Protein backbone atom coordinates (compact mmCIF):
# COMPACT_ATOMS: atom_id res chain seq x y z
CA MET A 1 -24.64 25.61 -15.64
CA GLU A 2 -22.06 23.65 -13.50
CA SER A 3 -21.69 20.06 -13.89
CA GLN A 4 -21.83 17.84 -10.81
CA ASP A 5 -19.57 15.24 -12.57
CA VAL A 6 -16.64 17.42 -12.80
CA VAL A 7 -13.81 16.92 -10.17
CA LYS A 8 -13.10 20.44 -8.82
CA ASP A 9 -10.53 19.73 -6.12
CA ARG A 10 -7.07 20.54 -7.34
CA ARG A 11 -5.35 17.90 -5.19
CA LYS A 12 -7.70 15.25 -6.68
CA VAL A 13 -7.10 16.14 -10.10
CA GLN A 14 -3.26 16.10 -9.43
CA ALA A 15 -3.45 12.70 -7.78
CA ILE A 16 -5.53 11.54 -11.12
CA VAL A 17 -2.82 12.65 -13.24
CA HIS A 18 0.20 11.19 -11.04
CA ASN A 19 -1.60 7.99 -10.60
CA ALA A 20 -2.05 7.60 -14.31
CA ARG A 21 1.56 8.25 -15.15
CA GLU A 22 2.56 5.82 -12.20
CA PHE A 23 0.30 3.23 -13.85
CA GLN A 24 2.08 3.75 -17.13
CA ARG A 25 5.42 3.44 -15.33
CA ILE A 26 4.35 0.19 -13.82
CA THR A 27 3.01 -1.30 -17.13
CA GLU A 28 6.00 -0.43 -18.97
CA LYS A 29 8.39 -1.98 -16.27
CA ASP A 30 6.27 -5.00 -15.39
CA GLY A 31 4.35 -5.74 -18.52
CA SER A 32 1.06 -5.24 -16.94
CA PHE A 33 -0.58 -3.94 -13.66
CA SER A 34 -1.61 -7.54 -13.15
CA ASP A 35 1.93 -8.68 -13.17
CA PHE A 36 2.77 -5.81 -10.65
CA LEU A 37 0.10 -6.93 -8.33
CA GLU A 38 1.51 -10.57 -8.64
CA SER A 39 4.85 -9.23 -7.59
CA LEU A 40 3.36 -7.96 -4.51
CA LYS A 41 2.04 -11.45 -3.47
CA THR A 42 5.73 -12.21 -2.42
CA LEU A 43 5.74 -9.59 0.08
CA ASP A 44 4.13 -9.53 3.58
CA ASP A 45 0.91 -7.58 3.82
CA GLY A 46 2.46 -4.36 5.20
CA GLU A 47 4.94 -4.26 2.61
CA ALA A 48 2.50 -4.40 -0.18
CA VAL A 49 0.35 -1.72 1.50
CA GLU A 50 3.37 0.46 1.78
CA ILE A 51 4.36 0.08 -1.91
CA LEU A 52 0.91 1.13 -2.79
CA THR A 53 0.57 4.09 -0.63
CA LYS A 54 4.04 5.39 -1.73
CA ARG A 55 3.58 4.93 -5.51
CA PHE A 56 0.11 6.20 -5.80
CA ARG A 57 -1.43 9.48 -4.41
CA LEU A 58 -4.33 9.72 -2.08
CA PRO A 59 -5.08 6.17 -1.24
CA GLY A 60 -4.37 5.83 2.43
CA GLU A 61 -3.68 2.70 4.28
CA PRO A 62 -7.24 1.47 4.63
CA ALA A 63 -8.09 1.94 1.01
CA ALA A 64 -4.84 0.16 -0.10
CA ARG A 65 -5.72 -2.70 2.15
CA TYR A 66 -9.31 -2.87 0.82
CA TYR A 67 -7.92 -2.71 -2.77
CA LEU A 68 -5.50 -5.49 -2.33
CA HIS A 69 -8.22 -7.61 -0.59
CA SER A 70 -10.66 -6.81 -3.40
CA VAL A 71 -8.22 -8.04 -6.20
CA GLY A 72 -7.59 -11.37 -4.44
CA HIS A 73 -4.23 -10.43 -2.92
CA TRP A 74 -5.42 -11.76 0.32
CA LYS A 75 -7.67 -14.99 0.39
């Protein structure tokens, strides 16, 4: 029996692993992910989006913009 909840796409699994490691690197460097997000507030919108899309795999520009908006980066 196959589970519907299992991620089967190899690229998605690799992205999950990469993003988890990137998250760890960020928290080691900045102290917390929240502090990392705070550091993005000093940048213009395009730069903040570019940093997220370069550091993390698979979030395209629209998803990065949506995420920054949802966490209060833009009021």
